[in-house]
Amino acid sequence: MKKKNVIAGITTVVIIIIIAYLSTRPKILGNMNHSYSEQTTSNSEISFSGEPSDRIKFLFSSNIKHGDLDLVLYDSDGKMVYQLDKARELETFYTLDKADIYTLTAKHSNFIGKYKIKIIKAD
């Protein structure tokens, strides 16, 4: 009987820990991961919805061998609201002004290399 109570107690604690983790983990809004071995000029986009005062975290890394890469956040009207700095690795935050659908555009021009970006709703 005592053994069953211990097992039930441990199971309950594990379930509570899992529920707490799942409810508090950051929400990933999107990601990009591209690699180009030949010169490429194109755009890649991620769209996500946001509310006023949502704090958005951008995690970015790149290895640019040639060309340009610009990362710009636009609102649904096509207005630029934020431009990410150029860097090999970057972690930056932006607080949204209004409820909207936002689009992060990666514009590459004569680009050779690779980059990764993850967009997360921060607390």
PDB file of N, CA and C in Angstrom:
ATOM      1  N   MET A   1       0.827  -1.198   0.000  1.00  0.00           N
ATOM      2  CA  MET A   1       0.000   0.000   0.000  1.00  0.00           C
ATOM      3  C   MET A   1       0.865   1.252   0.000  1.00  0.00           C
ATOM      4  N   LYS A   2       1.918   1.240   0.832  1.00  0.00           N
ATOM      5  CA  LYS A   2       2.813   2.389   0.913  1.00  0.00           C
ATOM      6  C   LYS A   2       3.518   2.621  -0.422  1.00  0.00           C
ATOM      7  N   LYS A   3       3.885   1.529  -1.088  1.00  0.00           N
ATOM      8  CA  LYS A   3       4.564   1.611  -2.380  1.00  0.00           C
ATOM      9  C   LYS A   3       3.662   2.272  -3.425  1.00  0.00           C
ATOM     10  N   LYS A   4       2.377   1.939  -3.425  1.00  0.00           N
ATOM     11  CA  LYS A   4       1.434   2.521  -4.374  1.00  0.00           C
ATOM     12  C   LYS A   4       1.285   4.017  -4.133  1.00  0.00           C
ATOM     13  N   ASN A   5       1.272   4.435  -2.876  1.00  0.00           N
ATOM     14  CA  ASN A   5       1.157   5.859  -2.555  1.00  0.00           C
ATOM     15  C   ASN A   5       2.385   6.633  -3.031  1.00  0.00           C
ATOM     16  N   VAL A   6       3.561   6.053  -2.870  1.00  0.00           N
ATOM     17  CA  VAL A   6       4.798   6.700  -3.323  1.00  0.00           C
ATOM     18  C   VAL A   6       4.786   6.828  -4.845  1.00  0.00           C
ATOM     19  N   ILE A   7       4.405   5.782  -5.543  1.00  0.00           N
ATOM     20  CA  ILE A   7       4.350   5.812  -7.009  1.00  0.00           C
ATOM     21  C   ILE A   7       3.318   6.833  -7.477  1.00  0.00           C
ATOM     22  N   ALA A   8       2.165   6.874  -6.844  1.00  0.00           N
ATOM     23  CA  ALA A   8       1.130   7.845  -7.209  1.00  0.00           C
ATOM     24  C   ALA A   8       1.623   9.268  -6.954  1.00  0.00           C
ATOM     25  N   GLY A   9       2.320   9.484  -5.851  1.00  0.00           N
ATOM     26  CA  GLY A   9       2.859  10.813  -5.537  1.00  0.00           C
ATOM     27  C   GLY A   9       3.899  11.258  -6.549  1.00  0.00           C
ATOM     28  N   ILE A  10       4.807  10.376  -6.902  1.00  0.00           N
ATOM     29  CA  ILE A  10       5.851  10.703  -7.882  1.00  0.00           C
ATOM     30  C   ILE A  10       5.223  10.979  -9.245  1.00  0.00           C
ATOM     31  N   THR A  11       4.257  10.172  -9.646  1.00  0.00           N
ATOM     32  CA  THR A  11       3.569  10.379 -10.922  1.00  0.00           C
ATOM     33  C   THR A  11       2.876  11.736 -10.949  1.00  0.00           C
ATOM     34  N   THR A  12       2.222  12.106  -9.863  1.00  0.00           N
ATOM     35  CA  THR A  12       1.544  13.402  -9.777  1.00  0.00           C
ATOM     36  C   THR A  12       2.531  14.550  -9.909  1.00  0.00           C
ATOM     37  N   VAL A  13       3.662  14.467  -9.225  1.00  0.00           N
ATOM     38  CA  VAL A  13       4.681  15.520  -9.295  1.00  0.00           C
ATOM     39  C   VAL A  13       5.222  15.641 -10.715  1.00  0.00           C
ATOM     40  N   VAL A  14       5.500  14.539 -11.383  1.00  0.00           N
ATOM     41  CA  VAL A  14       6.009  14.561 -12.754  1.00  0.00           C
ATOM     42  C   VAL A  14       4.986  15.205 -13.691  1.00  0.00           C
ATOM     43  N   ILE A  15       3.727  14.868 -13.538  1.00  0.00           N
ATOM     44  CA  ILE A  15       2.679  15.457 -14.383  1.00  0.00           C
ATOM     45  C   ILE A  15       2.588  16.957 -14.151  1.00  0.00           C
ATOM     46  N   ILE A  16       2.659  17.405 -12.912  1.00  0.00           N
ATOM     47  CA  ILE A  16       2.613  18.841 -12.602  1.00  0.00           C
ATOM     48  C   ILE A  16       3.806  19.563 -13.219  1.00  0.00           C
ATOM     49  N   ILE A  17       4.984  18.975 -13.152  1.00  0.00           N
ATOM     50  CA  ILE A  17       6.180  19.586 -13.744  1.00  0.00           C
ATOM     51  C   ILE A  17       6.026  19.698 -15.261  1.00  0.00           C
ATOM     52  N   ILE A  18       5.530  18.665 -15.907  1.00  0.00           N
ATOM     53  CA  ILE A  18       5.343  18.693 -17.364  1.00  0.00           C
ATOM     54  C   ILE A  18       4.329  19.762 -17.754  1.00  0.00           C
ATOM     55  N   ILE A  19       3.219  19.844 -17.043  1.00  0.00           N
ATOM     56  CA  ILE A  19       2.199  20.859 -17.341  1.00  0.00           C
ATOM     57  C   ILE A  19       2.764  22.261 -17.140  1.00  0.00           C
ATOM     58  N   ALA A  20       3.508  22.472 -16.064  1.00  0.00           N
ATOM     59  CA  ALA A  20       4.108  23.788 -15.812  1.00  0.00           C
ATOM     60  C   ALA A  20       5.081  24.163 -16.924  1.00  0.00           C
ATOM     61  N   TYR A  21       5.901  23.221 -17.369  1.00  0.00           N
ATOM     62  CA  TYR A  21       6.849  23.499 -18.447  1.00  0.00           C
ATOM     63  C   TYR A  21       6.122  23.848 -19.742  1.00  0.00           C
ATOM     64  N   LEU A  22       5.131  23.055 -20.103  1.00  0.00           N
ATOM     65  CA  LEU A  22       4.417  23.283 -21.360  1.00  0.00           C
ATOM     66  C   LEU A  22       3.662  24.610 -21.363  1.00  0.00           C
ATOM     67  N   SER A  23       3.197  25.051 -20.215  1.00  0.00           N
ATOM     68  CA  SER A  23       2.440  26.303 -20.169  1.00  0.00           C
ATOM     69  C   SER A  23       3.330  27.535 -20.069  1.00  0.00           C
ATOM     70  N   THR A  24       4.597  27.382 -19.706  1.00  0.00           N
ATOM     71  CA  THR A  24       5.477  28.547 -19.547  1.00  0.00           C
ATOM     72  C   THR A  24       6.592  28.637 -20.586  1.00  0.00           C
ATOM     73  N   ARG A  25       6.747  27.647 -21.423  1.00  0.00           N
ATOM     74  CA  ARG A  25       7.832  27.695 -22.409  1.00  0.00           C
ATOM     75  C   ARG A  25       7.548  28.786 -23.445  1.00  0.00           C
ATOM     76  N   PRO A  26       8.592  29.356 -24.030  1.00  0.00           N
ATOM     77  CA  PRO A  26       8.398  30.404 -25.036  1.00  0.00           C
ATOM     78  C   PRO A  26       7.683  29.856 -26.273  1.00  0.00           C
ATOM     79  N   LYS A  27       6.875  30.709 -26.895  1.00  0.00           N
ATOM     80  CA  LYS A  27       6.140  30.315 -28.097  1.00  0.00           C
ATOM     81  C   LYS A  27       6.953  30.696 -29.327  1.00  0.00           C
ATOM     82  N   ILE A  28       7.315  29.702 -30.133  1.00  0.00           N
ATOM     83  CA  ILE A  28       8.062  29.956 -31.364  1.00  0.00           C
ATOM     84  C   ILE A  28       7.076  30.394 -32.442  1.00  0.00           C
ATOM     85  N   LEU A  29       7.320  31.577 -33.004  1.00  0.00           N
ATOM     86  CA  LEU A  29       6.433  32.144 -34.014  1.00  0.00           C
ATOM     87  C   LEU A  29       6.851  31.769 -35.433  1.00  0.00           C
ATOM     88  N   GLY A  30       8.111  31.408 -35.617  1.00  0.00           N
ATOM     89  CA  GLY A  30       8.579  31.015 -36.941  1.00  0.00           C
ATOM     90  C   GLY A  30      10.087  30.906 -36.972  1.00  0.00           C
ATOM     91  N   ASN A  31      10.596  30.295 -38.030  1.00  0.00           N
ATOM     92  CA  ASN A  31      12.044  30.223 -38.216  1.00  0.00           C
ATOM     93  C   ASN A  31      12.378  30.065 -39.692  1.00  0.00           C
ATOM     94  N   MET A  32      13.607  30.454 -40.018  1.00  0.00           N
ATOM     95  CA  MET A  32      14.160  30.288 -41.368  1.00  0.00           C
ATOM     96  C   MET A  32      15.533  29.660 -41.216  1.00  0.00           C
ATOM     97  N   ASN A  33      15.878  28.828 -42.166  1.00  0.00           N
ATOM     98  CA  ASN A  33      17.191  28.198 -42.173  1.00  0.00           C
ATOM     99  C   ASN A  33      17.545  27.956 -43.641  1.00  0.00           C
ATOM    100  N   HIS A  34      18.418  28.798 -44.190  1.00  0.00           N
ATOM    101  CA  HIS A  34      18.749  28.695 -45.615  1.00  0.00           C
ATOM    102  C   HIS A  34      20.262  28.643 -45.809  1.00  0.00           C
ATOM    103  N   SER A  35      20.663  27.906 -46.836  1.00  0.00           N
ATOM    104  CA  SER A  35      22.068  27.801 -47.207  1.00  0.00           C
ATOM    105  C   SER A  35      22.155  27.859 -48.734  1.00  0.00           C
ATOM    106  N   TYR A  36      23.055  28.710 -49.230  1.00  0.00           N
ATOM    107  CA  TYR A  36      23.219  28.883 -50.677  1.00  0.00           C
ATOM    108  C   TYR A  36      24.695  28.741 -51.036  1.00  0.00           C
ATOM    109  N   SER A  37      24.994  27.857 -51.994  1.00  0.00           N
ATOM    110  CA  SER A  37      26.377  27.655 -52.423  1.00  0.00           C
ATOM    111  C   SER A  37      26.691  28.414 -53.710  1.00  0.00           C
ATOM    112  N   GLU A  38      25.652  28.928 -54.373  1.00  0.00           N
ATOM    113  CA  GLU A  38      25.830  29.754 -55.570  1.00  0.00           C
ATOM    114  C   GLU A  38      25.142  31.089 -55.333  1.00  0.00           C
ATOM    115  N   GLN A  39      25.624  32.131 -56.012  1.00  0.00           N
ATOM    116  CA  GLN A  39      25.040  33.459 -55.830  1.00  0.00           C
ATOM    117  C   GLN A  39      23.537  33.421 -56.089  1.00  0.00           C
ATOM    118  N   THR A  40      22.801  33.936 -55.116  1.00  0.00           N
ATOM    119  CA  THR A  40      21.342  33.928 -55.187  1.00  0.00           C
ATOM    120  C   THR A  40      20.808  35.289 -54.780  1.00  0.00           C
ATOM    121  N   THR A  41      19.801  35.753 -55.500  1.00  0.00           N
ATOM    122  CA  THR A  41      19.087  36.973 -55.137  1.00  0.00           C
ATOM    123  C   THR A  41      17.619  36.606 -55.012  1.00  0.00           C
ATOM    124  N   SER A  42      17.088  36.721 -53.802  1.00  0.00           N
ATOM    125  CA  SER A  42      15.678  36.387 -53.573  1.00  0.00           C
ATOM    126  C   SER A  42      15.240  36.911 -52.210  1.00  0.00           C
ATOM    127  N   ASN A  43      13.980  36.649 -51.883  1.00  0.00           N
ATOM    128  CA  ASN A  43      13.410  37.020 -50.591  1.00  0.00           C
ATOM    129  C   ASN A  43      12.813  35.784 -49.936  1.00  0.00           C
ATOM    130  N   SER A  44      12.938  35.709 -48.623  1.00  0.00           N
ATOM    131  CA  SER A  44      12.250  34.695 -47.832  1.00  0.00           C
ATOM    132  C   SER A  44      11.458  35.429 -46.764  1.00  0.00           C
ATOM    133  N   GLU A  45      10.294  34.878 -46.406  1.00  0.00           N
ATOM    134  CA  GLU A  45       9.426  35.573 -45.460  1.00  0.00           C
ATOM    135  C   GLU A  45       8.858  34.633 -44.408  1.00  0.00           C
ATOM    136  N   ILE A  46       8.612  35.205 -43.226  1.00  0.00           N
ATOM    137  CA  ILE A  46       7.874  34.549 -42.149  1.00  0.00           C
ATOM    138  C   ILE A  46       6.816  35.545 -41.694  1.00  0.00           C
ATOM    139  N   SER A  47       5.569  35.107 -41.604  1.00  0.00           N
ATOM    140  CA  SER A  47       4.509  35.972 -41.085  1.00  0.00           C
ATOM    141  C   SER A  47       3.985  35.401 -39.776  1.00  0.00           C
ATOM    142  N   PHE A  48       3.609  36.295 -38.869  1.00  0.00           N
ATOM    143  CA  PHE A  48       3.054  35.896 -37.579  1.00  0.00           C
ATOM    144  C   PHE A  48       2.136  37.001 -37.080  1.00  0.00           C
ATOM    145  N   SER A  49       1.196  36.634 -36.234  1.00  0.00           N
ATOM    146  CA  SER A  49       0.295  37.636 -35.663  1.00  0.00           C
ATOM    147  C   SER A  49       0.836  38.076 -34.311  1.00  0.00           C
ATOM    148  N   GLY A  50       0.577  39.340 -33.991  1.00  0.00           N
ATOM    149  CA  GLY A  50       1.037  39.887 -32.728  1.00  0.00           C
ATOM    150  C   GLY A  50       0.029  40.847 -32.150  1.00  0.00           C
ATOM    151  N   GLU A  51       0.129  41.054 -30.862  1.00  0.00           N
ATOM    152  CA  GLU A  51      -0.740  41.971 -30.124  1.00  0.00           C
ATOM    153  C   GLU A  51       0.092  43.132 -29.589  1.00  0.00           C
ATOM    154  N   PRO A  52      -0.579  44.252 -29.262  1.00  0.00           N
ATOM    155  CA  PRO A  52       0.173  45.387 -28.702  1.00  0.00           C
ATOM    156  C   PRO A  52       0.931  44.956 -27.447  1.00  0.00           C
ATOM    157  N   SER A  53       2.129  45.429 -27.322  1.00  0.00           N
ATOM    158  CA  SER A  53       3.048  45.175 -26.203  1.00  0.00           C
ATOM    159  C   SER A  53       3.617  43.758 -26.170  1.00  0.00           C
ATOM    160  N   ASP A  54       3.343  42.925 -27.196  1.00  0.00           N
ATOM    161  CA  ASP A  54       4.038  41.636 -27.291  1.00  0.00           C
ATOM    162  C   ASP A  54       5.519  41.914 -27.490  1.00  0.00           C
ATOM    163  N   ARG A  55       6.350  41.223 -26.732  1.00  0.00           N
ATOM    164  CA  ARG A  55       7.798  41.370 -26.858  1.00  0.00           C
ATOM    165  C   ARG A  55       8.298  40.206 -27.708  1.00  0.00           C
ATOM    166  N   ILE A  56       8.920  40.538 -28.831  1.00  0.00           N
ATOM    167  CA  ILE A  56       9.377  39.534 -29.790  1.00  0.00           C
ATOM    168  C   ILE A  56      10.899  39.427 -29.717  1.00  0.00           C
ATOM    169  N   LYS A  57      11.374  38.195 -29.639  1.00  0.00           N
ATOM    170  CA  LYS A  57      12.812  37.923 -29.580  1.00  0.00           C
ATOM    171  C   LYS A  57      13.248  37.342 -30.921  1.00  0.00           C
ATOM    172  N   PHE A  58      14.308  37.910 -31.474  1.00  0.00           N
ATOM    173  CA  PHE A  58      14.887  37.427 -32.720  1.00  0.00           C
ATOM    174  C   PHE A  58      16.250  36.811 -32.401  1.00  0.00           C
ATOM    175  N   LEU A  59      16.442  35.553 -32.759  1.00  0.00           N
ATOM    176  CA  LEU A  59      17.734  34.873 -32.633  1.00  0.00           C
ATOM    177  C   LEU A  59      18.253  34.633 -34.042  1.00  0.00           C
ATOM    178  N   PHE A  60      19.424  35.168 -34.331  1.00  0.00           N
ATOM    179  CA  PHE A  60      19.940  35.150 -35.693  1.00  0.00           C
ATOM    180  C   PHE A  60      21.400  34.728 -35.690  1.00  0.00           C
ATOM    181  N   SER A  61      21.771  33.904 -36.664  1.00  0.00           N
ATOM    182  CA  SER A  61      23.185  33.588 -36.903  1.00  0.00           C
ATOM    183  C   SER A  61      23.390  33.468 -38.407  1.00  0.00           C
ATOM    184  N   SER A  62      24.602  33.824 -38.851  1.00  0.00           N
ATOM    185  CA  SER A  62      24.881  33.771 -40.287  1.00  0.00           C
ATOM    186  C   SER A  62      26.355  33.503 -40.539  1.00  0.00           C
ATOM    187  N   ASN A  63      26.613  33.015 -41.735  1.00  0.00           N
ATOM    188  CA  ASN A  63      27.967  32.866 -42.249  1.00  0.00           C
ATOM    189  C   ASN A  63      27.896  33.332 -43.703  1.00  0.00           C
ATOM    190  N   ILE A  64      28.131  34.629 -43.897  1.00  0.00           N
ATOM    191  CA  ILE A  64      27.998  35.234 -45.220  1.00  0.00           C
ATOM    192  C   ILE A  64      29.359  35.215 -45.906  1.00  0.00           C
ATOM    193  N   LYS A  65      29.443  34.493 -47.021  1.00  0.00           N
ATOM    194  CA  LYS A  65      30.691  34.425 -47.779  1.00  0.00           C
ATOM    195  C   LYS A  65      30.734  35.482 -48.870  1.00  0.00           C
ATOM    196  N   HIS A  66      29.544  35.867 -49.361  1.00  0.00           N
ATOM    197  CA  HIS A  66      29.475  36.866 -50.427  1.00  0.00           C
ATOM    198  C   HIS A  66      28.071  37.452 -50.460  1.00  0.00           C
ATOM    199  N   GLY A  67      27.973  38.714 -50.830  1.00  0.00           N
ATOM    200  CA  GLY A  67      26.672  39.340 -51.025  1.00  0.00           C
ATOM    201  C   GLY A  67      26.127  40.008 -49.779  1.00  0.00           C
ATOM    202  N   ASP A  68      24.849  40.370 -49.871  1.00  0.00           N
ATOM    203  CA  ASP A  68      24.177  41.105 -48.804  1.00  0.00           C
ATOM    204  C   ASP A  68      22.965  40.334 -48.300  1.00  0.00           C
ATOM    205  N   LEU A  69      22.679  40.536 -47.019  1.00  0.00           N
ATOM    206  CA  LEU A  69      21.498  39.962 -46.384  1.00  0.00           C
ATOM    207  C   LEU A  69      20.891  41.024 -45.481  1.00  0.00           C
ATOM    208  N   ASP A  70      19.636  41.380 -45.741  1.00  0.00           N
ATOM    209  CA  ASP A  70      18.927  42.362 -44.925  1.00  0.00           C
ATOM    210  C   ASP A  70      17.691  41.708 -44.333  1.00  0.00           C
ATOM    211  N   LEU A  71      17.504  41.895 -43.025  1.00  0.00           N
ATOM    212  CA  LEU A  71      16.345  41.352 -42.320  1.00  0.00           C
ATOM    213  C   LEU A  71      15.495  42.508 -41.829  1.00  0.00           C
ATOM    214  N   VAL A  72      14.251  42.578 -42.331  1.00  0.00           N
ATOM    215  CA  VAL A  72      13.373  43.702 -42.031  1.00  0.00           C
ATOM    216  C   VAL A  72      12.002  43.174 -41.622  1.00  0.00           C
ATOM    217  N   LEU A  73      11.434  43.778 -40.564  1.00  0.00           N
ATOM    218  CA  LEU A  73      10.097  43.437 -40.097  1.00  0.00           C
ATOM    219  C   LEU A  73       9.105  44.477 -40.610  1.00  0.00           C
ATOM    220  N   TYR A  74       8.034  43.991 -41.252  1.00  0.00           N
ATOM    221  CA  TYR A  74       6.992  44.863 -41.811  1.00  0.00           C
ATOM    222  C   TYR A  74       5.655  44.573 -41.138  1.00  0.00           C
ATOM    223  N   ASP A  75       4.790  45.603 -41.081  1.00  0.00           N
ATOM    224  CA  ASP A  75       3.415  45.372 -40.643  1.00  0.00           C
ATOM    225  C   ASP A  75       2.567  44.990 -41.860  1.00  0.00           C
ATOM    226  N   SER A  76       1.266  44.788 -41.659  1.00  0.00           N
ATOM    227  CA  SER A  76       0.412  44.324 -42.764  1.00  0.00           C
ATOM    228  C   SER A  76       0.203  45.387 -43.840  1.00  0.00           C
ATOM    229  N   ASP A  77       0.506  46.651 -43.534  1.00  0.00           N
ATOM    230  CA  ASP A  77       0.416  47.718 -44.534  1.00  0.00           C
ATOM    231  C   ASP A  77       1.691  47.837 -45.365  1.00  0.00           C
ATOM    232  N   GLY A  78       2.687  46.995 -45.076  1.00  0.00           N
ATOM    233  CA  GLY A  78       3.950  47.050 -45.795  1.00  0.00           C
ATOM    234  C   GLY A  78       4.910  48.092 -45.247  1.00  0.00           C
ATOM    235  N   LYS A  79       4.587  48.662 -44.095  1.00  0.00           N
ATOM    236  CA  LYS A  79       5.442  49.672 -43.471  1.00  0.00           C
ATOM    237  C   LYS A  79       6.539  48.977 -42.659  1.00  0.00           C
ATOM    238  N   MET A  80       7.793  49.418 -42.872  1.00  0.00           N
ATOM    239  CA  MET A  80       8.903  48.859 -42.113  1.00  0.00           C
ATOM    240  C   MET A  80       8.780  49.307 -40.657  1.00  0.00           C
ATOM    241  N   VAL A  81       8.784  48.338 -39.738  1.00  0.00           N
ATOM    242  CA  VAL A  81       8.684  48.681 -38.322  1.00  0.00           C
ATOM    243  C   VAL A  81       9.978  48.414 -37.559  1.00  0.00           C
ATOM    244  N   TYR A  82      10.851  47.551 -38.114  1.00  0.00           N
ATOM    245  CA  TYR A  82      12.103  47.239 -37.412  1.00  0.00           C
ATOM    246  C   TYR A  82      13.077  46.607 -38.398  1.00  0.00           C
ATOM    247  N   GLN A  83      14.344  47.001 -38.298  1.00  0.00           N
ATOM    248  CA  GLN A  83      15.385  46.386 -39.118  1.00  0.00           C
ATOM    249  C   GLN A  83      16.427  45.786 -38.193  1.00  0.00           C
ATOM    250  N   LEU A  84      16.721  44.514 -38.394  1.00  0.00           N
ATOM    251  CA  LEU A  84      17.718  43.845 -37.571  1.00  0.00           C
ATOM    252  C   LEU A  84      19.109  44.279 -37.997  1.00  0.00           C
ATOM    253  N   ASP A  85      19.980  44.432 -37.017  1.00  0.00           N
ATOM    254  CA  ASP A  85      21.367  44.790 -37.291  1.00  0.00           C
ATOM    255  C   ASP A  85      22.058  43.650 -38.029  1.00  0.00           C
ATOM    256  N   LYS A  86      23.090  44.009 -38.768  1.00  0.00           N
ATOM    257  CA  LYS A  86      23.896  42.992 -39.447  1.00  0.00           C
ATOM    258  C   LYS A  86      24.929  42.477 -38.450  1.00  0.00           C
ATOM    259  N   ALA A  87      25.000  41.157 -38.320  1.00  0.00           N
ATOM    260  CA  ALA A  87      25.924  40.551 -37.367  1.00  0.00           C
ATOM    261  C   ALA A  87      26.094  39.074 -37.704  1.00  0.00           C
ATOM    262  N   ARG A  88      27.166  38.508 -37.196  1.00  0.00           N
ATOM    263  CA  ARG A  88      27.372  37.071 -37.356  1.00  0.00           C
ATOM    264  C   ARG A  88      26.399  36.303 -36.454  1.00  0.00           C
ATOM    265  N   GLU A  89      26.221  36.809 -35.226  1.00  0.00           N
ATOM    266  CA  GLU A  89      25.238  36.262 -34.295  1.00  0.00           C
ATOM    267  C   GLU A  89      24.552  37.423 -33.605  1.00  0.00           C
ATOM    268  N   LEU A  90      23.250  37.285 -33.391  1.00  0.00           N
ATOM    269  CA  LEU A  90      22.484  38.388 -32.832  1.00  0.00           C
ATOM    270  C   LEU A  90      21.309  37.846 -32.037  1.00  0.00           C
ATOM    271  N   GLU A  91      21.088  38.438 -30.873  1.00  0.00           N
ATOM    272  CA  GLU A  91      19.877  38.210 -30.091  1.00  0.00           C
ATOM    273  C   GLU A  91      19.330  39.591 -29.772  1.00  0.00           C
ATOM    274  N   THR A  92      18.149  39.897 -30.286  1.00  0.00           N
ATOM    275  CA  THR A  92      17.584  41.228 -30.096  1.00  0.00           C
ATOM    276  C   THR A  92      16.081  41.118 -29.852  1.00  0.00           C
ATOM    277  N   PHE A  93      15.515  42.182 -29.292  1.00  0.00           N
ATOM    278  CA  PHE A  93      14.100  42.202 -28.935  1.00  0.00           C
ATOM    279  C   PHE A  93      13.416  43.397 -29.573  1.00  0.00           C
ATOM    280  N   TYR A  94      12.124  43.232 -29.857  1.00  0.00           N
ATOM    281  CA  TYR A  94      11.300  44.333 -30.358  1.00  0.00           C
ATOM    282  C   TYR A  94       9.908  44.191 -29.745  1.00  0.00           C
ATOM    283  N   THR A  95       9.346  45.312 -29.271  1.00  0.00           N
ATOM    284  CA  THR A  95       8.002  45.315 -28.699  1.00  0.00           C
ATOM    285  C   THR A  95       7.017  45.840 -29.742  1.00  0.00           C
ATOM    286  N   LEU A  96       5.992  45.054 -30.028  1.00  0.00           N
ATOM    287  CA  LEU A  96       5.011  45.417 -31.051  1.00  0.00           C
ATOM    288  C   LEU A  96       4.128  46.568 -30.577  1.00  0.00           C
ATOM    289  N   ASP A  97       3.783  47.466 -31.511  1.00  0.00           N
ATOM    290  CA  ASP A  97       2.975  48.644 -31.192  1.00  0.00           C
ATOM    291  C   ASP A  97       1.477  48.390 -31.291  1.00  0.00           C
ATOM    292  N   LYS A  98       1.084  47.447 -32.161  1.00  0.00           N
ATOM    293  CA  LYS A  98      -0.349  47.254 -32.405  1.00  0.00           C
ATOM    294  C   LYS A  98      -0.633  45.802 -32.759  1.00  0.00           C
ATOM    295  N   ALA A  99      -1.906  45.435 -32.682  1.00  0.00           N
ATOM    296  CA  ALA A  99      -2.335  44.108 -33.118  1.00  0.00           C
ATOM    297  C   ALA A  99      -2.284  44.084 -34.642  1.00  0.00           C
ATOM    298  N   ASP A 100      -1.577  43.105 -35.191  1.00  0.00           N
ATOM    299  CA  ASP A 100      -1.391  43.081 -36.638  1.00  0.00           C
ATOM    300  C   ASP A 100      -0.778  41.750 -37.049  1.00  0.00           C
ATOM    301  N   ILE A 101      -0.707  41.547 -38.348  1.00  0.00           N
ATOM    302  CA  ILE A 101       0.065  40.446 -38.923  1.00  0.00           C
ATOM    303  C   ILE A 101       1.392  41.057 -39.362  1.00  0.00           C
ATOM    304  N   TYR A 102       2.478  40.537 -38.829  1.00  0.00           N
ATOM    305  CA  TYR A 102       3.815  41.049 -39.129  1.00  0.00           C
ATOM    306  C   TYR A 102       4.547  40.052 -40.012  1.00  0.00           C
ATOM    307  N   THR A 103       5.423  40.577 -40.870  1.00  0.00           N
ATOM    308  CA  THR A 103       6.205  39.739 -41.774  1.00  0.00           C
ATOM    309  C   THR A 103       7.671  40.111 -41.664  1.00  0.00           C
ATOM    310  N   LEU A 104       8.493  39.112 -41.349  1.00  0.00           N
ATOM    311  CA  LEU A 104       9.940  39.303 -41.371  1.00  0.00           C
ATOM    312  C   LEU A 104      10.427  38.847 -42.738  1.00  0.00           C
ATOM    313  N   THR A 105      11.105  39.746 -43.446  1.00  0.00           N
ATOM    314  CA  THR A 105      11.613  39.445 -44.779  1.00  0.00           C
ATOM    315  C   THR A 105      13.133  39.398 -44.753  1.00  0.00           C
ATOM    316  N   ALA A 106      13.688  38.326 -45.293  1.00  0.00           N
ATOM    317  CA  ALA A 106      15.134  38.202 -45.483  1.00  0.00           C
ATOM    318  C   ALA A 106      15.402  38.431 -46.965  1.00  0.00           C
ATOM    319  N   LYS A 107      16.033  39.555 -47.275  1.00  0.00           N
ATOM    320  CA  LYS A 107      16.354  39.887 -48.663  1.00  0.00           C
ATOM    321  C   LYS A 107      17.829  39.585 -48.891  1.00  0.00           C
ATOM    322  N   HIS A 108      18.098  38.648 -49.817  1.00  0.00           N
ATOM    323  CA  HIS A 108      19.491  38.343 -50.129  1.00  0.00           C
ATOM    324  C   HIS A 108      19.782  38.765 -51.553  1.00  0.00           C
ATOM    325  N   SER A 109      20.946  39.394 -51.707  1.00  0.00           N
ATOM    326  CA  SER A 109      21.367  39.893 -53.010  1.00  0.00           C
ATOM    327  C   SER A 109      22.765  39.363 -53.309  1.00  0.00           C
ATOM    328  N   ASN A 110      22.894  38.611 -54.402  1.00  0.00           N
ATOM    329  CA  ASN A 110      24.173  37.976 -54.765  1.00  0.00           C
ATOM    330  C   ASN A 110      24.762  37.232 -53.568  1.00  0.00           C
ATOM    331  N   PHE A 111      23.915  36.525 -52.876  1.00  0.00           N
ATOM    332  CA  PHE A 111      24.252  35.932 -51.582  1.00  0.00           C
ATOM    333  C   PHE A 111      24.815  34.527 -51.729  1.00  0.00           C
ATOM    334  N   ILE A 112      25.944  34.279 -51.055  1.00  0.00           N
ATOM    335  CA  ILE A 112      26.497  32.938 -50.864  1.00  0.00           C
ATOM    336  C   ILE A 112      26.744  32.807 -49.367  1.00  0.00           C
ATOM    337  N   GLY A 113      26.261  31.739 -48.778  1.00  0.00           N
ATOM    338  CA  GLY A 113      26.443  31.523 -47.346  1.00  0.00           C
ATOM    339  C   GLY A 113      25.211  30.873 -46.752  1.00  0.00           C
ATOM    340  N   LYS A 114      25.093  31.009 -45.434  1.00  0.00           N
ATOM    341  CA  LYS A 114      23.927  30.438 -44.768  1.00  0.00           C
ATOM    342  C   LYS A 114      23.503  31.344 -43.623  1.00  0.00           C
ATOM    343  N   TYR A 115      22.240  31.216 -43.257  1.00  0.00           N
ATOM    344  CA  TYR A 115      21.724  31.965 -42.117  1.00  0.00           C
ATOM    345  C   TYR A 115      20.568  31.201 -41.481  1.00  0.00           C
ATOM    346  N   LYS A 116      20.375  31.480 -40.200  1.00  0.00           N
ATOM    347  CA  LYS A 116      19.270  30.912 -39.432  1.00  0.00           C
ATOM    348  C   LYS A 116      18.661  32.039 -38.620  1.00  0.00           C
ATOM    349  N   ILE A 117      17.352  32.059 -38.539  1.00  0.00           N
ATOM    350  CA  ILE A 117      16.677  33.012 -37.671  1.00  0.00           C
ATOM    351  C   ILE A 117      15.481  32.325 -37.025  1.00  0.00           C
ATOM    352  N   LYS A 118      15.297  32.597 -35.750  1.00  0.00           N
ATOM    353  CA  LYS A 118      14.160  32.079 -35.006  1.00  0.00           C
ATOM    354  C   LYS A 118      13.450  33.267 -34.378  1.00  0.00           C
ATOM    355  N   ILE A 119      12.118  33.280 -34.486  1.00  0.00           N
ATOM    356  CA  ILE A 119      11.304  34.344 -33.909  1.00  0.00           C
ATOM    357  C   ILE A 119      10.498  33.732 -32.765  1.00  0.00           C
ATOM    358  N   ILE A 120      10.629  34.339 -31.582  1.00  0.00           N
ATOM    359  CA  ILE A 120      10.011  33.796 -30.379  1.00  0.00           C
ATOM    360  C   ILE A 120       9.224  34.890 -29.674  1.00  0.00           C
ATOM    361  N   LYS A 121       8.041  34.552 -29.176  1.00  0.00           N
ATOM    362  CA  LYS A 121       7.297  35.488 -28.334  1.00  0.00           C
ATOM    363  C   LYS A 121       7.899  35.390 -26.938  1.00  0.00           C
ATOM    364  N   ALA A 122       8.551  36.465 -26.502  1.00  0.00           N
ATOM    365  CA  ALA A 122       9.220  36.482 -25.202  1.00  0.00           C
ATOM    366  C   ALA A 122       8.233  36.914 -24.125  1.00  0.00           C
ATOM    367  N   ASP A 123       8.547  36.558 -22.901  1.00  0.00           N
ATOM    368  CA  ASP A 123       7.697  36.979 -21.773  1.00  0.00           C
ATOM    369  C   ASP A 123       8.061  38.355 -21.292  1.00  0.00           C
TER     370      ASP A 123
END
